Amino acid sequence: MKIEYQYSRATGRQPQVEEALKLAIEASGADAEIIYTEVQDSEDAKHKRCLGSPTIRVEGIDVEYGEREPEEFTSGTRYYNT
């Protein structure tokens, strides 16, 4: 399984998000590869389909929105619904 962790230069990688991601992978028992992708700016966010930092995609699908993701891309901070 391919997991992409997108983050912006401004916010960086977030240790608590990385830890939660690793725990979820362990709990699922999945064989997963995490790919870390830095998003440079707004144009790069559009190109990479980044919904904000951090964005986590599993096999290209956003973990929050699934297949119905919004069309607004940003390199700014992302807030998840909880």
PDB file of N, CA and C in Angstrom:
ATOM      1  N   MET A   1       0.846  -1.169   0.000  1.00  0.00           N
ATOM      2  CA  MET A   1       0.000   0.000   0.000  1.00  0.00           C
ATOM      3  C   MET A   1       0.896   1.239   0.000  1.00  0.00           C
ATOM      4  N   LYS A   2       0.549   2.196  -0.832  1.00  0.00           N
ATOM      5  CA  LYS A   2       1.312   3.445  -0.926  1.00  0.00           C
ATOM      6  C   LYS A   2       0.562   4.552  -0.181  1.00  0.00           C
ATOM      7  N   ILE A   3       1.243   5.167   0.770  1.00  0.00           N
ATOM      8  CA  ILE A   3       0.680   6.281   1.526  1.00  0.00           C
ATOM      9  C   ILE A   3       1.541   7.505   1.263  1.00  0.00           C
ATOM     10  N   GLU A   4       0.892   8.591   0.853  1.00  0.00           N
ATOM     11  CA  GLU A   4       1.620   9.836   0.609  1.00  0.00           C
ATOM     12  C   GLU A   4       1.283  10.837   1.708  1.00  0.00           C
ATOM     13  N   TYR A   5       2.316  11.378   2.319  1.00  0.00           N
ATOM     14  CA  TYR A   5       2.188  12.394   3.368  1.00  0.00           C
ATOM     15  C   TYR A   5       2.684  13.696   2.751  1.00  0.00           C
ATOM     16  N   GLN A   6       1.748  14.604   2.426  1.00  0.00           N
ATOM     17  CA  GLN A   6       2.105  15.897   1.835  1.00  0.00           C
ATOM     18  C   GLN A   6       2.174  16.948   2.944  1.00  0.00           C
ATOM     19  N   TYR A   7       3.210  17.746   2.902  1.00  0.00           N
ATOM     20  CA  TYR A   7       3.374  18.803   3.905  1.00  0.00           C
ATOM     21  C   TYR A   7       3.990  20.024   3.243  1.00  0.00           C
ATOM     22  N   SER A   8       3.728  21.191   3.823  1.00  0.00           N
ATOM     23  CA  SER A   8       4.297  22.414   3.254  1.00  0.00           C
ATOM     24  C   SER A   8       5.604  22.757   3.947  1.00  0.00           C
ATOM     25  N   ARG A   9       6.398  23.513   3.269  1.00  0.00           N
ATOM     26  CA  ARG A   9       7.658  23.987   3.835  1.00  0.00           C
ATOM     27  C   ARG A   9       7.378  24.823   5.085  1.00  0.00           C
ATOM     28  N   ALA A  10       6.303  25.611   5.059  1.00  0.00           N
ATOM     29  CA  ALA A  10       5.968  26.506   6.176  1.00  0.00           C
ATOM     30  C   ALA A  10       5.596  25.742   7.443  1.00  0.00           C
ATOM     31  N   THR A  11       4.815  24.668   7.312  1.00  0.00           N
ATOM     32  CA  THR A  11       4.372  23.936   8.502  1.00  0.00           C
ATOM     33  C   THR A  11       5.272  22.762   8.842  1.00  0.00           C
ATOM     34  N   GLY A  12       5.980  22.252   7.865  1.00  0.00           N
ATOM     35  CA  GLY A  12       6.858  21.113   8.100  1.00  0.00           C
ATOM     36  C   GLY A  12       6.085  19.835   8.402  1.00  0.00           C
ATOM     37  N   ARG A  13       6.845  18.771   8.654  1.00  0.00           N
ATOM     38  CA  ARG A  13       6.230  17.507   9.049  1.00  0.00           C
ATOM     39  C   ARG A  13       5.876  17.606  10.526  1.00  0.00           C
ATOM     40  N   GLN A  14       4.735  17.052  10.893  1.00  0.00           N
ATOM     41  CA  GLN A  14       4.246  17.168  12.261  1.00  0.00           C
ATOM     42  C   GLN A  14       4.373  15.822  12.973  1.00  0.00           C
ATOM     43  N   PRO A  15       5.188  15.764  14.033  1.00  0.00           N
ATOM     44  CA  PRO A  15       5.448  14.494  14.722  1.00  0.00           C
ATOM     45  C   PRO A  15       4.187  13.770  15.193  1.00  0.00           C
ATOM     46  N   GLN A  16       3.188  14.512  15.688  1.00  0.00           N
ATOM     47  CA  GLN A  16       1.977  13.847  16.180  1.00  0.00           C
ATOM     48  C   GLN A  16       1.193  13.202  15.037  1.00  0.00           C
ATOM     49  N   VAL A  17       1.231  13.800  13.863  1.00  0.00           N
ATOM     50  CA  VAL A  17       0.554  13.219  12.697  1.00  0.00           C
ATOM     51  C   VAL A  17       1.312  11.978  12.232  1.00  0.00           C
ATOM     52  N   GLU A  18       2.625  12.060  12.200  1.00  0.00           N
ATOM     53  CA  GLU A  18       3.429  10.912  11.790  1.00  0.00           C
ATOM     54  C   GLU A  18       3.230   9.742  12.742  1.00  0.00           C
ATOM     55  N   GLU A  19       3.167  10.017  14.043  1.00  0.00           N
ATOM     56  CA  GLU A  19       2.960   8.964  15.040  1.00  0.00           C
ATOM     57  C   GLU A  19       1.587   8.316  14.861  1.00  0.00           C
ATOM     58  N   ALA A  20       0.541   9.124  14.672  1.00  0.00           N
ATOM     59  CA  ALA A  20      -0.809   8.586  14.461  1.00  0.00           C
ATOM     60  C   ALA A  20      -0.860   7.734  13.192  1.00  0.00           C
ATOM     61  N   LEU A  21      -0.178   8.177  12.158  1.00  0.00           N
ATOM     62  CA  LEU A  21      -0.135   7.432  10.906  1.00  0.00           C
ATOM     63  C   LEU A  21       0.550   6.081  11.108  1.00  0.00           C
ATOM     64  N   LYS A  22       1.680   6.073  11.796  1.00  0.00           N
ATOM     65  CA  LYS A  22       2.400   4.817  12.053  1.00  0.00           C
ATOM     66  C   LYS A  22       1.564   3.861  12.898  1.00  0.00           C
ATOM     67  N   LEU A  23       0.870   4.387  13.917  1.00  0.00           N
ATOM     68  CA  LEU A  23       0.010   3.546  14.757  1.00  0.00           C
ATOM     69  C   LEU A  23      -1.140   2.945  13.948  1.00  0.00           C
ATOM     70  N   ALA A  24      -1.726   3.732  13.055  1.00  0.00           N
ATOM     71  CA  ALA A  24      -2.818   3.238  12.214  1.00  0.00           C
ATOM     72  C   ALA A  24      -2.334   2.124  11.286  1.00  0.00           C
ATOM     73  N   ILE A  25      -1.148   2.290  10.737  1.00  0.00           N
ATOM     74  CA  ILE A  25      -0.583   1.259   9.858  1.00  0.00           C
ATOM     75  C   ILE A  25      -0.339  -0.021  10.647  1.00  0.00           C
ATOM     76  N   GLU A  26       0.261   0.115  11.835  1.00  0.00           N
ATOM     77  CA  GLU A  26       0.519  -1.059  12.677  1.00  0.00           C
ATOM     78  C   GLU A  26      -0.779  -1.766  13.051  1.00  0.00           C
ATOM     79  N   ALA A  27      -1.799  -1.000  13.438  1.00  0.00           N
ATOM     80  CA  ALA A  27      -3.083  -1.580  13.848  1.00  0.00           C
ATOM     81  C   ALA A  27      -3.761  -2.322  12.700  1.00  0.00           C
ATOM     82  N   SER A  28      -3.577  -1.826  11.479  1.00  0.00           N
ATOM     83  CA  SER A  28      -4.220  -2.459  10.323  1.00  0.00           C
ATOM     84  C   SER A  28      -3.466  -3.697   9.850  1.00  0.00           C
ATOM     85  N   GLY A  29      -2.187  -3.767  10.200  1.00  0.00           N
ATOM     86  CA  GLY A  29      -1.372  -4.879   9.743  1.00  0.00           C
ATOM     87  C   GLY A  29      -0.992  -4.781   8.275  1.00  0.00           C
ATOM     88  N   ALA A  30      -1.236  -3.633   7.675  1.00  0.00           N
ATOM     89  CA  ALA A  30      -0.957  -3.442   6.249  1.00  0.00           C
ATOM     90  C   ALA A  30       0.544  -3.299   5.995  1.00  0.00           C
ATOM     91  N   ASP A  31       0.953  -3.736   4.834  1.00  0.00           N
ATOM     92  CA  ASP A  31       2.321  -3.521   4.374  1.00  0.00           C
ATOM     93  C   ASP A  31       2.303  -2.190   3.627  1.00  0.00           C
ATOM     94  N   ALA A  32       2.804  -1.142   4.273  1.00  0.00           N
ATOM     95  CA  ALA A  32       2.667   0.207   3.712  1.00  0.00           C
ATOM     96  C   ALA A  32       4.014   0.887   3.532  1.00  0.00           C
ATOM     97  N   GLU A  33       4.084   1.674   2.483  1.00  0.00           N
ATOM     98  CA  GLU A  33       5.246   2.521   2.207  1.00  0.00           C
ATOM     99  C   GLU A  33       4.770   3.967   2.327  1.00  0.00           C
ATOM    100  N   ILE A  34       5.442   4.752   3.189  1.00  0.00           N
ATOM    101  CA  ILE A  34       5.091   6.165   3.343  1.00  0.00           C
ATOM    102  C   ILE A  34       6.037   6.992   2.488  1.00  0.00           C
ATOM    103  N   ILE A  35       5.458   7.829   1.639  1.00  0.00           N
ATOM    104  CA  ILE A  35       6.237   8.729   0.788  1.00  0.00           C
ATOM    105  C   ILE A  35       5.974  10.149   1.271  1.00  0.00           C
ATOM    106  N   TYR A  36       7.032  10.856   1.640  1.00  0.00           N
ATOM    107  CA  TYR A  36       6.918  12.231   2.131  1.00  0.00           C
ATOM    108  C   TYR A  36       7.140  13.190   0.970  1.00  0.00           C
ATOM    109  N   THR A  37       6.159  14.077   0.748  1.00  0.00           N
ATOM    110  CA  THR A  37       6.210  15.013  -0.368  1.00  0.00           C
ATOM    111  C   THR A  37       6.086  16.438   0.147  1.00  0.00           C
ATOM    112  N   GLU A  38       7.111  17.245  -0.091  1.00  0.00           N
ATOM    113  CA  GLU A  38       7.049  18.654   0.312  1.00  0.00           C
ATOM    114  C   GLU A  38       6.335  19.461  -0.767  1.00  0.00           C
ATOM    115  N   VAL A  39       5.417  20.312  -0.337  1.00  0.00           N
ATOM    116  CA  VAL A  39       4.673  21.193  -1.233  1.00  0.00           C
ATOM    117  C   VAL A  39       5.264  22.590  -1.084  1.00  0.00           C
ATOM    118  N   GLN A  40       5.743  23.158  -2.178  1.00  0.00           N
ATOM    119  CA  GLN A  40       6.491  24.414  -2.141  1.00  0.00           C
ATOM    120  C   GLN A  40       5.623  25.662  -1.976  1.00  0.00           C
ATOM    121  N   ASP A  41       4.529  25.734  -2.747  1.00  0.00           N
ATOM    122  CA  ASP A  41       3.703  26.947  -2.776  1.00  0.00           C
ATOM    123  C   ASP A  41       2.330  26.602  -3.349  1.00  0.00           C
ATOM    124  N   SER A  42       1.510  27.621  -3.593  1.00  0.00           N
ATOM    125  CA  SER A  42       0.140  27.399  -4.080  1.00  0.00           C
ATOM    126  C   SER A  42       0.093  26.683  -5.426  1.00  0.00           C
ATOM    127  N   GLU A  43       0.968  27.056  -6.337  1.00  0.00           N
ATOM    128  CA  GLU A  43       0.999  26.398  -7.648  1.00  0.00           C
ATOM    129  C   GLU A  43       1.375  24.927  -7.511  1.00  0.00           C
ATOM    130  N   ASP A  44       2.358  24.653  -6.672  1.00  0.00           N
ATOM    131  CA  ASP A  44       2.773  23.274  -6.426  1.00  0.00           C
ATOM    132  C   ASP A  44       1.636  22.493  -5.769  1.00  0.00           C
ATOM    133  N   ALA A  45       0.887  23.142  -4.877  1.00  0.00           N
ATOM    134  CA  ALA A  45      -0.258  22.503  -4.216  1.00  0.00           C
ATOM    135  C   ALA A  45      -1.306  22.088  -5.252  1.00  0.00           C
ATOM    136  N   LYS A  46      -1.571  22.946  -6.224  1.00  0.00           N
ATOM    137  CA  LYS A  46      -2.530  22.608  -7.284  1.00  0.00           C
ATOM    138  C   LYS A  46      -2.035  21.409  -8.084  1.00  0.00           C
ATOM    139  N   HIS A  47      -0.764  21.449  -8.446  1.00  0.00           N
ATOM    140  CA  HIS A  47      -0.170  20.373  -9.240  1.00  0.00           C
ATOM    141  C   HIS A  47      -0.221  19.032  -8.493  1.00  0.00           C
ATOM    142  N   LYS A  48       0.036  19.065  -7.182  1.00  0.00           N
ATOM    143  CA  LYS A  48       0.079  17.837  -6.375  1.00  0.00           C
ATOM    144  C   LYS A  48      -1.256  17.496  -5.719  1.00  0.00           C
ATOM    145  N   ARG A  49      -2.280  18.347  -5.952  1.00  0.00           N
ATOM    146  CA  ARG A  49      -3.608  18.151  -5.371  1.00  0.00           C
ATOM    147  C   ARG A  49      -3.548  18.124  -3.843  1.00  0.00           C
ATOM    148  N   CYS A  50      -2.804  19.045  -3.286  1.00  0.00           N
ATOM    149  CA  CYS A  50      -2.649  19.141  -1.836  1.00  0.00           C
ATOM    150  C   CYS A  50      -3.797  19.966  -1.254  1.00  0.00           C
ATOM    151  N   LEU A  51      -4.506  19.392  -0.297  1.00  0.00           N
ATOM    152  CA  LEU A  51      -5.656  20.049   0.325  1.00  0.00           C
ATOM    153  C   LEU A  51      -5.264  20.836   1.570  1.00  0.00           C
ATOM    154  N   GLY A  52      -3.985  20.974   1.800  1.00  0.00           N
ATOM    155  CA  GLY A  52      -3.461  21.674   2.969  1.00  0.00           C
ATOM    156  C   GLY A  52      -2.449  20.779   3.660  1.00  0.00           C
ATOM    157  N   SER A  53      -1.694  21.367   4.546  1.00  0.00           N
ATOM    158  CA  SER A  53      -0.616  20.642   5.211  1.00  0.00           C
ATOM    159  C   SER A  53      -0.998  20.292   6.640  1.00  0.00           C
ATOM    160  N   PRO A  54      -1.045  18.991   6.962  1.00  0.00           N
ATOM    161  CA  PRO A  54      -0.681  17.840   6.133  1.00  0.00           C
ATOM    162  C   PRO A  54      -1.880  17.271   5.380  1.00  0.00           C
ATOM    163  N   THR A  55      -1.594  16.671   4.235  1.00  0.00           N
ATOM    164  CA  THR A  55      -2.581  15.891   3.493  1.00  0.00           C
ATOM    165  C   THR A  55      -2.060  14.461   3.438  1.00  0.00           C
ATOM    166  N   ILE A  56      -2.919  13.515   3.777  1.00  0.00           N
ATOM    167  CA  ILE A  56      -2.554  12.100   3.743  1.00  0.00           C
ATOM    168  C   ILE A  56      -3.423  11.422   2.690  1.00  0.00           C
ATOM    169  N   ARG A  57      -2.765  10.735   1.769  1.00  0.00           N
ATOM    170  CA  ARG A  57      -3.474   9.994   0.721  1.00  0.00           C
ATOM    171  C   ARG A  57      -3.049   8.527   0.772  1.00  0.00           C
ATOM    172  N   VAL A  58      -4.029   7.645   0.675  1.00  0.00           N
ATOM    173  CA  VAL A  58      -3.772   6.208   0.604  1.00  0.00           C
ATOM    174  C   VAL A  58      -4.150   5.762  -0.798  1.00  0.00           C
ATOM    175  N   GLU A  59      -3.156   5.266  -1.520  1.00  0.00           N
ATOM    176  CA  GLU A  59      -3.360   4.881  -2.924  1.00  0.00           C
ATOM    177  C   GLU A  59      -3.991   6.026  -3.718  1.00  0.00           C
ATOM    178  N   GLY A  60      -3.573   7.263  -3.407  1.00  0.00           N
ATOM    179  CA  GLY A  60      -4.029   8.439  -4.144  1.00  0.00           C
ATOM    180  C   GLY A  60      -5.337   9.039  -3.660  1.00  0.00           C
ATOM    181  N   ILE A  61      -5.983   8.403  -2.685  1.00  0.00           N
ATOM    182  CA  ILE A  61      -7.282   8.868  -2.182  1.00  0.00           C
ATOM    183  C   ILE A  61      -7.082   9.578  -0.841  1.00  0.00           C
ATOM    184  N   ASP A  62      -7.633  10.781  -0.721  1.00  0.00           N
ATOM    185  CA  ASP A  62      -7.523  11.552   0.515  1.00  0.00           C
ATOM    186  C   ASP A  62      -8.232  10.823   1.652  1.00  0.00           C
ATOM    187  N   VAL A  63      -7.598  10.779   2.846  1.00  0.00           N
ATOM    188  CA  VAL A  63      -8.160  10.025   3.970  1.00  0.00           C
ATOM    189  C   VAL A  63      -9.422  10.652   4.550  1.00  0.00           C
ATOM    190  N   GLU A  64      -9.627  11.929   4.375  1.00  0.00           N
ATOM    191  CA  GLU A  64     -10.824  12.571   4.923  1.00  0.00           C
ATOM    192  C   GLU A  64     -11.957  12.635   3.900  1.00  0.00           C
ATOM    193  N   TYR A  65     -11.662  13.049   2.701  1.00  0.00           N
ATOM    194  CA  TYR A  65     -12.702  13.287   1.700  1.00  0.00           C
ATOM    195  C   TYR A  65     -12.991  12.098   0.788  1.00  0.00           C
ATOM    196  N   GLY A  66     -12.077  11.159   0.721  1.00  0.00           N
ATOM    197  CA  GLY A  66     -12.281  10.033  -0.190  1.00  0.00           C
ATOM    198  C   GLY A  66     -12.300  10.515  -1.626  1.00  0.00           C
ATOM    199  N   GLU A  67     -13.243  10.026  -2.392  1.00  0.00           N
ATOM    200  CA  GLU A  67     -13.320  10.366  -3.813  1.00  0.00           C
ATOM    201  C   GLU A  67     -14.031  11.687  -4.074  1.00  0.00           C
ATOM    202  N   ARG A  68     -14.580  12.310  -3.047  1.00  0.00           N
ATOM    203  CA  ARG A  68     -15.333  13.556  -3.235  1.00  0.00           C
ATOM    204  C   ARG A  68     -14.579  14.756  -2.660  1.00  0.00           C
ATOM    205  N   GLU A  69     -13.304  14.827  -2.956  1.00  0.00           N
ATOM    206  CA  GLU A  69     -12.494  15.915  -2.417  1.00  0.00           C
ATOM    207  C   GLU A  69     -12.821  17.253  -3.082  1.00  0.00           C
ATOM    208  N   PRO A  70     -12.646  18.343  -2.334  1.00  0.00           N
ATOM    209  CA  PRO A  70     -12.904  19.668  -2.910  1.00  0.00           C
ATOM    210  C   PRO A  70     -11.880  20.004  -3.990  1.00  0.00           C
ATOM    211  N   GLU A  71     -12.180  21.024  -4.767  1.00  0.00           N
ATOM    212  CA  GLU A  71     -11.282  21.429  -5.847  1.00  0.00           C
ATOM    213  C   GLU A  71     -10.394  22.597  -5.446  1.00  0.00           C
ATOM    214  N   GLU A  72     -10.323  22.893  -4.174  1.00  0.00           N
ATOM    215  CA  GLU A  72      -9.481  23.983  -3.680  1.00  0.00           C
ATOM    216  C   GLU A  72      -8.220  23.383  -3.072  1.00  0.00           C
ATOM    217  N   PHE A  73      -7.085  23.744  -3.640  1.00  0.00           N
ATOM    218  CA  PHE A  73      -5.811  23.211  -3.185  1.00  0.00           C
ATOM    219  C   PHE A  73      -4.983  24.330  -2.569  1.00  0.00           C
ATOM    220  N   THR A  74      -4.229  23.994  -1.518  1.00  0.00           N
ATOM    221  CA  THR A  74      -3.448  25.005  -0.816  1.00  0.00           C
ATOM    222  C   THR A  74      -2.221  24.380  -0.165  1.00  0.00           C
ATOM    223  N   SER A  75      -1.227  25.204   0.065  1.00  0.00           N
ATOM    224  CA  SER A  75      -0.047  24.762   0.807  1.00  0.00           C
ATOM    225  C   SER A  75      -0.137  25.216   2.264  1.00  0.00           C
ATOM    226  N   GLY A  76      -1.251  25.861   2.618  1.00  0.00           N
ATOM    227  CA  GLY A  76      -1.446  26.343   3.989  1.00  0.00           C
ATOM    228  C   GLY A  76      -1.819  25.216   4.946  1.00  0.00           C
ATOM    229  N   THR A  77      -2.031  25.574   6.189  1.00  0.00           N
ATOM    230  CA  THR A  77      -2.376  24.606   7.225  1.00  0.00           C
ATOM    231  C   THR A  77      -3.735  23.972   6.944  1.00  0.00           C
ATOM    232  N   ARG A  78      -3.811  22.676   7.142  1.00  0.00           N
ATOM    233  CA  ARG A  78      -5.070  21.950   6.963  1.00  0.00           C
ATOM    234  C   ARG A  78      -5.652  21.600   8.328  1.00  0.00           C
ATOM    235  N   TYR A  79      -6.954  21.783   8.446  1.00  0.00           N
ATOM    236  CA  TYR A  79      -7.677  21.422   9.664  1.00  0.00           C
ATOM    237  C   TYR A  79      -8.658  20.312   9.312  1.00  0.00           C
ATOM    238  N   TYR A  80      -8.572  19.205  10.036  1.00  0.00           N
ATOM    239  CA  TYR A  80      -9.446  18.063   9.795  1.00  0.00           C
ATOM    240  C   TYR A  80     -10.691  18.149  10.663  1.00  0.00           C
ATOM    241  N   ASN A  81     -11.808  17.624  10.152  1.00  0.00           N
ATOM    242  CA  ASN A  81     -13.027  17.505  10.950  1.00  0.00           C
ATOM    243  C   ASN A  81     -12.820  16.393  11.970  1.00  0.00           C
ATOM    244  N   THR A  82     -13.183  16.658  13.210  1.00  0.00           N
ATOM    245  CA  THR A  82     -13.027  15.626  14.248  1.00  0.00           C
ATOM    246  C   THR A  82     -14.327  15.376  14.954  1.00  0.00           C
TER     247      THR A  82
END
